[in-house]
Amino acid sequence: MFHVEPADLILLCAAAFAAGMVDAVVGGGGLIQIPALFGAMPQAQPATVFGTNKLASIFGTASAAMRYARRIDVPWRAALPAAAAAFLLSYFGAMTVAWLPKDWLRPLVLVLLVVVTLYTYARKDLGAVDQGRRHGPRDMVLAVFFGGLIGFYDGFFGPGTGSFLIFLFVRLFGMDFLKASVSAKIVNAATNLSALLFFGAHGHVLVATGLAMAVFNVGGAQVGSHMAIRHGAGFVRRVFLLVAGVFIIKFAWDTLR
């Protein structure tokens, strides 16, 4: 079992706060938290890093979802089927971490991120106003399909999950960015819990480290969700484009390197 030095734990907690804040608005907290964990535990297995990250993240994601749900009208008919499918498929995604190579996935994720970002930037009105759609059986089928797809991705790889979810809720279900963000948090909480169950059952979680980080992740999530609710869909859209741009730079660097 790895021992995290006090100085490293302080840095991890600071990273967890920043990750929780960003993740509560548009997702992407793993972009901060996972590299910090790898830096603090360079000899740890990737599964241990991902498992500890899930433990730290799930509390922040759940707390942000609850704060949103108290202030925002949640589109449950789209969010719940997506969360259920994501929960199931995320577990199977986590199972593949140990034996499927991830290198082939990076270029595909990079291309998808570029397309999503450019499309969102070009469509200035996308997600600005909630269309108030009644989500019928067709929407529920779409929610199950894409929820399962994103859930598997999150369990297996993860980076960009929140951003992809927000884009899909905006584009496919006619939500504004704020409602899409709360829906993404509900789905993301389900994927985190599912993957955490797998990693925990196989001893790939540093419980003390993860719980210490979770306290700060929750703090960051409360700040981030407060900012999103206060400033509305336009603010979430701007942060979405910023975080997606950072993701593109990171994935391009990792892929070309």
Foldseek 3Di string as FASTA:
>chain_A
DDDFDPVLLVVLLVLLLQLLQLCLQQRQSCVRNLVSLCVRCVPADSLLSLLLVLLLQLLSLVLSLVVLVVPDPALCLLLVLLQVLLLVLLLVLLVCQVPDDCLVVLVVVLVVLVVLLVVLVVCVCQQQAAPPDDQDPVSSVVSNVVSNVLSSCCSNPNGCSRLVQLSCCRVPVRHHSSNSSSSSSSSVSSSSVNSNVNSVVVVSYPVVSSVSSNVSSNNSNVNNSVVDSVVDRVVSSVSSSVSSVVVSVVSVVVNVD
